[in-house]
C-alpha atoms as a PDB file:
ATOM      1  CA  MET A   1     118.145  43.809  58.973  1.00  0.00           C
ATOM      2  CA  ALA A   2     119.391  40.747  60.802  1.00  0.00           C
ATOM      3  CA  GLN A   3     120.191  37.738  58.654  1.00  0.00           C
ATOM      4  CA  ARG A   4     118.625  34.401  59.281  1.00  0.00           C
ATOM      5  CA  GLY A   5     120.999  31.724  60.308  1.00  0.00           C
ATOM      6  CA  PRO A   6     121.321  28.256  58.905  1.00  0.00           C
ATOM      7  CA  LEU A   7     119.405  26.854  61.837  1.00  0.00           C
ATOM      8  CA  VAL A   8     116.282  28.880  61.207  1.00  0.00           C
ATOM      9  CA  THR A   9     116.273  27.911  57.549  1.00  0.00           C
ATOM     10  CA  ALA A  10     116.513  24.222  58.371  1.00  0.00           C
ATOM     11  CA  VAL A  11     113.576  24.505  60.737  1.00  0.00           C
ATOM     12  CA  VAL A  12     111.404  26.117  58.047  1.00  0.00           C
ATOM     13  CA  VAL A  13     112.266  23.425  55.514  1.00  0.00           C
ATOM     14  CA  VAL A  14     111.544  20.633  57.928  1.00  0.00           C
ATOM     15  CA  GLY A  15     108.159  22.175  58.861  1.00  0.00           C
ATOM     16  CA  GLY A  16     107.141  22.385  55.217  1.00  0.00           C
ATOM     17  CA  LEU A  17     107.978  18.791  54.583  1.00  0.00           C
ATOM     18  CA  VAL A  18     105.969  17.719  57.593  1.00  0.00           C
ATOM     19  CA  GLY A  19     102.895  19.658  56.372  1.00  0.00           C
ATOM     20  CA  LEU A  20     103.173  18.146  52.917  1.00  0.00           C
ATOM     21  CA  MET A  21     103.326  14.660  54.270  1.00  0.00           C
ATOM     22  CA  THR A  22     100.330  15.311  56.481  1.00  0.00           C
ATOM     23  CA  ALA A  23      98.224  16.456  53.487  1.00  0.00           C
ATOM     24  CA  ASN A  24      99.180  13.406  51.456  1.00  0.00           C
ATOM     25  CA  ALA A  25      98.237  11.161  54.347  1.00  0.00           C
ATOM     26  CA  ALA A  26      94.752  12.725  54.410  1.00  0.00           C
ATOM     27  CA  GLY A  27      94.191  11.655  50.775  1.00  0.00           C
ATOM     28  CA  GLY A  28      94.861  14.948  49.145  1.00  0.00           C
ATOM     29  CA  LEU A  29      97.528  15.461  46.561  1.00  0.00           C
ATOM     30  CA  VAL A  30      99.132  18.782  46.464  1.00  0.00           C
ATOM     31  CA  SER A  31     100.974  19.761  43.386  1.00  0.00           C
ATOM     32  CA  ALA A  32     102.929  22.732  42.721  1.00  0.00           C
ATOM     33  CA  GLY A  33     100.557  23.920  40.007  1.00  0.00           C
ATOM     34  CA  GLY A  34      97.454  24.054  42.228  1.00  0.00           C
ATOM     35  CA  PRO A  35      94.912  21.712  43.674  1.00  0.00           C
ATOM     36  CA  ALA A  36      94.437  18.339  42.085  1.00  0.00           C
ATOM     37  CA  PRO A  37      91.391  17.933  39.849  1.00  0.00           C
ATOM     38  CA  SER A  38      88.404  16.177  41.382  1.00  0.00           C
ATOM     39  CA  PRO A  39      87.935  12.614  40.228  1.00  0.00           C
ATOM     40  CA  THR A  40      85.335  12.228  37.478  1.00  0.00           C
ATOM     41  CA  ARG A  41      82.385   9.813  38.050  1.00  0.00           C
ATOM     42  CA  VAL A  42      81.695   7.599  35.101  1.00  0.00           C
ATOM     43  CA  GLY A  43      77.916   7.246  34.628  1.00  0.00           C
ATOM     44  CA  ALA A  44      76.003   4.335  33.129  1.00  0.00           C
ATOM     45  CA  THR A  45      76.744   3.601  29.557  1.00  0.00           C
ATOM     46  CA  GLN A  46      74.049   5.038  27.232  1.00  0.00           C
ATOM     47  CA  THR A  47      73.149   3.430  23.951  1.00  0.00           C
ATOM     48  CA  GLY A  48      72.005   5.231  20.800  1.00  0.00           C
ATOM     49  CA  GLN A  49      68.727   3.254  20.493  1.00  0.00           C
ATOM     50  CA  PRO A  50      65.505   5.174  21.114  1.00  0.00           C
ATOM     51  CA  PRO A  51      63.407   4.100  24.084  1.00  0.00           C
ATOM     52  CA  THR A  52      61.044   1.233  23.417  1.00  0.00           C
ATOM     53  CA  THR A  53      57.444   2.371  23.130  1.00  0.00           C
ATOM     54  CA  THR A  54      54.679  -0.173  23.709  1.00  0.00           C
ATOM     55  CA  GLU A  55      51.725   0.597  21.408  1.00  0.00           C
ATOM     56  CA  PRO A  56      48.228   0.022  22.847  1.00  0.00           C
ATOM     57  CA  PRO A  57      46.263  -2.814  21.171  1.00  0.00           C
ATOM     58  CA  ALA A  58      44.113  -1.743  18.234  1.00  0.00           C
ATOM     59  CA  GLU A  59      40.500  -1.186  19.139  1.00  0.00           C
ATOM     60  CA  THR A  60      38.114  -3.771  17.711  1.00  0.00           C
ATOM     61  CA  THR A  61      34.760  -2.369  16.659  1.00  0.00           C
ATOM     62  CA  THR A  62      31.942  -4.892  16.483  1.00  0.00           C
ATOM     63  CA  PRO A  63      29.375  -3.809  13.865  1.00  0.00           C
ATOM     64  CA  PRO A  64      25.783  -3.693  15.102  1.00  0.00           C
ATOM     65  CA  PRO A  65      23.661  -6.661  14.069  1.00  0.00           C
ATOM     66  CA  ALA A  66      21.962  -6.206  10.742  1.00  0.00           C
ATOM     67  CA  LYS A  67      18.340  -5.132  11.031  1.00  0.00           C
ATOM     68  CA  THR A  68      15.972  -7.805   9.916  1.00  0.00           C
ATOM     69  CA  THR A  69      12.814  -6.489   8.350  1.00  0.00           C
ATOM     70  CA  THR A  70       9.999  -8.953   8.410  1.00  0.00           C
ATOM     71  CA  GLN A  71       7.786  -8.449   5.424  1.00  0.00           C
ATOM     72  CA  PRO A  72       4.128  -9.177   6.047  1.00  0.00           C
ATOM     73  CA  PRO A  73       2.862 -12.066   3.978  1.00  0.00           C
ATOM     74  CA  LYS A  74       1.353 -10.999   0.731  1.00  0.00           C
ATOM     75  CA  THR A  75      -2.379 -11.221   0.754  1.00  0.00           C
ATOM     76  CA  GLU A  76      -3.827 -12.034  -2.582  1.00  0.00           C
ATOM     77  CA  ALA A  77      -7.089 -10.374  -3.482  1.00  0.00           C
ATOM     78  CA  PRO A  78      -9.966 -12.796  -3.476  1.00  0.00           C
ATOM     79  CA  PRO A  79     -11.129 -13.776  -6.929  1.00  0.00           C
ATOM     80  CA  ALA A  80     -13.883 -11.606  -8.333  1.00  0.00           C
ATOM     81  CA  GLU A  81     -17.419 -12.901  -8.264  1.00  0.00           C
ATOM     82  CA  GLN A  82     -18.459 -14.379 -11.584  1.00  0.00           C
ATOM     83  CA  PHE A  83     -21.881 -14.282 -13.186  1.00  0.00           C
ATOM     84  CA  PRO A  84     -23.617 -17.512 -14.143  1.00  0.00           C
ATOM     85  CA  ALA A  85     -23.560 -18.235 -17.839  1.00  0.00           C
ATOM     86  CA  GLU A  86     -27.135 -16.937 -18.017  1.00  0.00           C
ATOM     87  CA  ALA A  87     -29.227 -15.329 -15.273  1.00  0.00           C
ATOM     88  CA  VAL A  88     -31.775 -12.654 -14.392  1.00  0.00           C
ATOM     89  CA  TYR A  89     -31.753 -10.336 -11.358  1.00  0.00           C
ATOM     90  CA  ALA A  90     -34.905  -8.434 -10.415  1.00  0.00           C
ATOM     91  CA  GLY A  91     -36.110  -6.107  -7.669  1.00  0.00           C
ATOM     92  CA  GLU A  92     -36.593  -2.425  -6.910  1.00  0.00           C
ATOM     93  CA  THR A  93     -34.582   0.616  -5.861  1.00  0.00           C
ATOM     94  CA  ALA A  94     -34.142   1.581  -2.224  1.00  0.00           C
ATOM     95  CA  ASP A  95     -35.720   5.042  -2.437  1.00  0.00           C
ATOM     96  CA  LEU A  96     -38.485   4.863  -5.044  1.00  0.00           C
ATOM     97  CA  PRO A  97     -41.003   2.382  -6.365  1.00  0.00           C
ATOM     98  CA  LEU A  98     -38.732   1.976  -9.367  1.00  0.00           C
ATOM     99  CA  TYR A  99     -38.347  -1.601 -10.596  1.00  0.00           C
ATOM    100  CA  ILE A 100     -35.355  -3.196 -12.280  1.00  0.00           C
ATOM    101  CA  ALA A 101     -34.732  -6.418 -14.163  1.00  0.00           C
ATOM    102  CA  LEU A 102     -31.272  -7.206 -15.503  1.00  0.00           C
ATOM    103  CA  ALA A 103     -30.455 -10.197 -17.688  1.00  0.00           C
ATOM    104  CA  VAL A 104     -26.926 -11.554 -18.196  1.00  0.00           C
ATOM    105  CA  LYS A 105     -25.688 -13.944 -20.861  1.00  0.00           C
ATOM    106  CA  GLY A 106     -21.983 -14.490 -21.297  1.00  0.00           C
ATOM    107  CA  GLU A 107     -20.386 -11.056 -21.183  1.00  0.00           C
ATOM    108  CA  GLU A 108     -23.484  -9.207 -22.377  1.00  0.00           C
ATOM    109  CA  ALA A 109     -26.208  -7.586 -20.296  1.00  0.00           C
ATOM    110  CA  SER A 110     -29.668  -6.108 -20.914  1.00  0.00           C
ATOM    111  CA  ALA A 111     -31.771  -4.202 -18.404  1.00  0.00           C
ATOM    112  CA  TYR A 112     -35.176  -2.612 -18.087  1.00  0.00           C
ATOM    113  CA  LEU A 113     -36.387  -0.214 -15.451  1.00  0.00           C
ATOM    114  CA  CYS A 114     -39.833   1.272 -14.974  1.00  0.00           C
ATOM    115  CA  ASP A 115     -42.228   2.663 -12.387  1.00  0.00           C
ATOM    116  CA  GLY A 116     -45.153   0.584 -13.677  1.00  0.00           C
ATOM    117  CA  LYS A 117     -46.959   3.709 -14.868  1.00  0.00           C
ATOM    118  CA  ALA A 118     -45.152   5.916 -17.348  1.00  0.00           C
ATOM    119  CA  VAL A 119     -41.377   6.001 -16.680  1.00  0.00           C
ATOM    120  CA  GLU A 120     -39.254   3.383 -18.398  1.00  0.00           C
ATOM    121  CA  SER A 121     -35.827   2.862 -19.958  1.00  0.00           C
ATOM    122  CA  TRP A 122     -34.030   0.023 -21.750  1.00  0.00           C
ATOM    123  CA  LEU A 123     -30.265  -0.302 -21.321  1.00  0.00           C
ATOM    124  CA  LYS A 124     -27.481  -2.400 -22.898  1.00  0.00           C
ATOM    125  CA  GLY A 125     -23.936  -3.112 -21.772  1.00  0.00           C
ATOM    126  CA  THR A 126     -21.390  -5.600 -20.526  1.00  0.00           C
ATOM    127  CA  ALA A 127     -21.089  -8.115 -17.706  1.00  0.00           C
ATOM    128  CA  LYS A 128     -17.461  -8.892 -16.854  1.00  0.00           C
ATOM    129  CA  ASN A 129     -15.732 -10.089 -13.686  1.00  0.00           C
ATOM    130  CA  GLY A 130     -18.855  -9.675 -11.614  1.00  0.00           C
ATOM    131  CA  THR A 131     -19.477  -6.096 -12.757  1.00  0.00           C
ATOM    132  CA  VAL A 132     -22.123  -4.694 -15.100  1.00  0.00           C
ATOM    133  CA  ASP A 133     -22.044  -1.369 -16.938  1.00  0.00           C
ATOM    134  CA  LEU A 134     -25.051  -0.394 -19.032  1.00  0.00           C
ATOM    135  CA  THR A 135     -26.269   2.707 -20.846  1.00  0.00           C
ATOM    136  CA  SER A 136     -29.531   3.682 -22.512  1.00  0.00           C
ATOM    137  CA  LYS A 137     -29.576   4.270 -26.263  1.00  0.00           C
ATOM    138  CA  ASP A 138     -29.717   8.061 -25.821  1.00  0.00           C
ATOM    139  CA  GLY A 139     -27.014   7.990 -23.121  1.00  0.00           C
ATOM    140  CA  ALA A 140     -29.247   9.738 -20.582  1.00  0.00           C
ATOM    141  CA  ASN A 141     -29.490   6.799 -18.177  1.00  0.00           C
ATOM    142  CA  THR A 142     -26.821   4.463 -16.820  1.00  0.00           C
ATOM    143  CA  LEU A 143     -26.635   1.420 -14.562  1.00  0.00           C
ATOM    144  CA  ASN A 144     -23.532   0.231 -12.739  1.00  0.00           C
ATOM    145  CA  ALA A 145     -23.478  -2.684 -10.324  1.00  0.00           C
ATOM    146  CA  LYS A 146     -21.320  -5.387  -8.780  1.00  0.00           C
ATOM    147  CA  LEU A 147     -22.169  -8.953  -7.970  1.00  0.00           C
ATOM    148  CA  GLU A 148     -22.066  -9.894  -4.281  1.00  0.00           C
ATOM    149  CA  GLY A 149     -22.916 -13.541  -3.935  1.00  0.00           C
ATOM    150  CA  ASN A 150     -26.343 -13.971  -5.533  1.00  0.00           C
ATOM    151  CA  THR A 151     -27.198 -10.280  -5.250  1.00  0.00           C
ATOM    152  CA  LEU A 152     -26.502  -7.437  -7.643  1.00  0.00           C
ATOM    153  CA  VAL A 153     -25.668  -4.206  -5.802  1.00  0.00           C
ATOM    154  CA  GLY A 154     -25.341  -0.864  -7.565  1.00  0.00           C
ATOM    155  CA  SER A 155     -26.935   2.353  -8.691  1.00  0.00           C
ATOM    156  CA  ILE A 156     -29.041   3.706 -11.535  1.00  0.00           C
ATOM    157  CA  MET A 157     -28.579   7.224 -12.843  1.00  0.00           C
ATOM    158  CA  LEU A 158     -32.031   8.174 -14.159  1.00  0.00           C
ATOM    159  CA  SER A 159     -32.503  11.664 -15.608  1.00  0.00           C
ATOM    160  CA  GLY A 160     -29.495  12.856 -13.611  1.00  0.00           C
ATOM    161  CA  GLN A 161     -30.689  11.394 -10.297  1.00  0.00           C
ATOM    162  CA  PRO A 162     -28.991   8.378  -8.623  1.00  0.00           C
ATOM    163  CA  HIS A 163     -31.043   5.519  -7.217  1.00  0.00           C
ATOM    164  CA  ASP A 164     -29.317   2.727  -5.300  1.00  0.00           C
ATOM    165  CA  PHE A 165     -30.506  -0.844  -5.443  1.00  0.00           C
ATOM    166  CA  SER A 166     -29.789  -4.364  -4.252  1.00  0.00           C
ATOM    167  CA  ILE A 167     -31.591  -6.996  -6.308  1.00  0.00           C
ATOM    168  CA  PRO A 168     -31.423 -10.792  -5.960  1.00  0.00           C
ATOM    169  CA  LEU A 169     -31.113 -13.569  -8.480  1.00  0.00           C
ATOM    170  CA  ALA A 170     -34.577 -14.190  -9.953  1.00  0.00           C
ATOM    171  CA  PRO A 171     -34.966 -17.718 -11.320  1.00  0.00           C
ATOM    172  CA  PRO A 172     -38.000 -18.657 -13.479  1.00  0.00           C
ATOM    173  CA  PRO A 173     -40.880 -17.992 -13.540  1.00  0.00           C
ATOM    174  CA  ALA A 174     -39.470 -14.534 -12.742  1.00  0.00           C
ATOM    175  CA  GLY A 175     -37.870 -12.776 -15.686  1.00  0.00           C
ATOM    176  CA  LEU A 176     -37.731  -9.923 -18.161  1.00  0.00           C
ATOM    177  CA  PHE A 177     -39.978  -9.735 -21.245  1.00  0.00           C
ATOM    178  CA  ARG A 178     -40.444  -7.421 -24.192  1.00  0.00           C
ATOM    179  CA  GLY A 179     -43.078  -7.116 -26.941  1.00  0.00           C
ATOM    180  CA  ALA A 180     -43.868  -4.929 -29.911  1.00  0.00           C
ATOM    181  CA  ASN A 181     -46.753  -4.525 -32.387  1.00  0.00           C
ATOM    182  CA  GLY A 182     -46.670  -1.605 -34.770  1.00  0.00           C
ATOM    183  CA  GLU A 183     -46.236   1.565 -32.740  1.00  0.00           C
ATOM    184  CA  THR A 184     -46.867  -0.182 -29.458  1.00  0.00           C
ATOM    185  CA  ASN A 185     -43.921  -1.323 -27.349  1.00  0.00           C
ATOM    186  CA  VAL A 186     -44.259  -3.048 -24.012  1.00  0.00           C
ATOM    187  CA  GLY A 187     -41.825  -4.040 -21.266  1.00  0.00           C
ATOM    188  CA  TRP A 188     -42.628  -6.473 -18.465  1.00  0.00           C
ATOM    189  CA  ILE A 189     -40.793  -7.356 -15.267  1.00  0.00           C
ATOM    190  CA  VAL A 190     -41.878 -10.459 -13.392  1.00  0.00           C
ATOM    191  CA  LEU A 191     -40.516 -10.326  -9.828  1.00  0.00           C
ATOM    192  CA  PRO A 192     -39.593 -13.390  -7.735  1.00  0.00           C
ATOM    193  CA  SER A 193     -42.792 -12.822  -5.749  1.00  0.00           C
ATOM    194  CA  GLY A 194     -44.804 -13.236  -8.970  1.00  0.00           C
ATOM    195  CA  LYS A 195     -45.754  -9.566  -9.092  1.00  0.00           C
ATOM    196  CA  GLN A 196     -45.707  -8.011 -12.589  1.00  0.00           C
ATOM    197  CA  VAL A 197     -44.894  -4.396 -13.461  1.00  0.00           C
ATOM    198  CA  GLY A 198     -44.418  -2.798 -16.865  1.00  0.00           C
ATOM    199  CA  VAL A 199     -45.160   0.099 -19.166  1.00  0.00           C
ATOM    200  CA  ALA A 200     -46.882   0.072 -22.578  1.00  0.00           C
ATOM    201  CA  LYS A 201     -46.151   2.891 -25.004  1.00  0.00           C
ATOM    202  CA  THR A 202     -48.027   3.685 -28.181  1.00  0.00           C
ATOM    203  CA  GLY A 203     -46.438   6.667 -29.839  1.00  0.00           C
ATOM    204  CA  SER A 204     -46.036   9.279 -27.073  1.00  0.00           C
ATOM    205  CA  ARG A 205     -48.714   7.792 -24.838  1.00  0.00           C
ATOM    206  CA  ALA A 206     -47.607   5.648 -21.891  1.00  0.00           C
ATOM    207  CA  SER A 207     -49.620   3.569 -19.437  1.00  0.00           C
ATOM    208  CA  ALA A 208     -49.298   0.578 -17.145  1.00  0.00           C
ATOM    209  CA  ALA A 209     -48.843  -2.628 -19.097  1.00  0.00           C
ATOM    210  CA  PRO A 210     -51.537  -5.281 -18.757  1.00  0.00           C
ATOM    211  CA  PRO A 211     -50.208  -8.459 -17.108  1.00  0.00           C
ATOM    212  CA  LEU A 212     -48.842 -11.306 -19.116  1.00  0.00           C
ATOM    213  CA  GLY A 213     -50.888 -14.465 -19.291  1.00  0.00           C
ATOM    214  CA  ALA A 214     -49.843 -17.571 -17.438  1.00  0.00           C
ATOM    215  CA  ASP A 215     -48.075 -18.863 -20.546  1.00  0.00           C
ATOM    216  CA  ARG A 216     -46.024 -15.621 -20.829  1.00  0.00           C
ATOM    217  CA  LYS A 217     -46.929 -15.417 -24.523  1.00  0.00           C
ATOM    218  CA  GLY A 218     -48.139 -11.833 -24.463  1.00  0.00           C
ATOM    219  CA  ALA A 219     -51.025  -9.533 -23.565  1.00  0.00           C
ATOM    220  CA  THR A 220     -53.675  -7.417 -25.240  1.00  0.00           C
ATOM    221  CA  VAL A 221     -52.858  -3.712 -25.367  1.00  0.00           C
ATOM    222  CA  ASN A 222     -55.421  -1.205 -26.673  1.00  0.00           C
ATOM    223  CA  GLY A 223     -57.368  -3.974 -28.353  1.00  0.00           C
ATOM    224  CA  MET A 224     -54.290  -5.533 -30.005  1.00  0.00           C
ATOM    225  CA  PHE A 225     -52.450  -8.611 -28.938  1.00  0.00           C
ATOM    226  CA  VAL A 226     -48.741  -7.951 -28.342  1.00  0.00           C
ATOM    227  CA  SER A 227     -46.542 -11.021 -28.360  1.00  0.00           C
ATOM    228  CA  ALA A 228     -43.894 -11.245 -25.651  1.00  0.00           C
ATOM    229  CA  VAL A 229     -40.390 -12.657 -25.907  1.00  0.00           C
ATOM    230  CA  GLU A 230     -38.051 -13.324 -23.005  1.00  0.00           C
ATOM    231  CA  VAL A 231     -35.089 -10.934 -22.877  1.00  0.00           C
ATOM    232  CA  THR A 232     -31.570 -12.287 -22.277  1.00  0.00           C
ATOM    233  CA  GLY A 233     -28.274 -10.511 -21.976  1.00  0.00           C
ATOM    234  CA  ALA A 234     -27.711 -11.088 -25.687  1.00  0.00           C
ATOM    235  CA  THR A 235     -31.051  -9.622 -26.834  1.00  0.00           C
ATOM    236  CA  LYS A 236     -30.713  -6.695 -29.246  1.00  0.00           C
ATOM    237  CA  PHE A 237     -33.171  -3.819 -29.242  1.00  0.00           C
ATOM    238  CA  GLY A 238     -33.253  -0.277 -30.586  1.00  0.00           C
END
């Protein structure tokens, strides 16, 4: 093999130096150990605080307006009708020719009902706050009524049958009368029209009562004079 001369060696060395200088001029740095490391970019400085979070405003709930309940005004019941201190009501039932007279005095009441022929019944009871409640001595017949103005409205239960009535105030000379003489007992009703009805009983026999005289003192029954007394709510009878 031919040996290189000193001239060839010098040319090689000079060429290498020229190449190295050219690389450095281009901005690269060539080291013997390999290519130079790429420059490291330094990013923005980060802090250790967490990101700020903006909380939404709290929702405000407006309660619905309170319900207002309007109470209707209280209506007081009208005061009950009151009976006069003393009075008589007289008339007849709506369905039969059955006559009634009822006398009130204070809180007591007396009543008489008859057909003017043979049927009759006496009743006793109370008169309170415009209402009357009466019963016959044997309990078979009752009368219940309520005062409406100057009229007594109610019903009689006679032998198990009801009979409604509406009877007005009956000022004198109308009224209720009763008389007795021995076995004879008589009841009289004088209506506002002046008409008289009643029943006279002697023992088990019954008949229409003879009319009272103009003085209302009594009447003659079966040949005997029977004195009459006016019945009030306070009158007692058996």
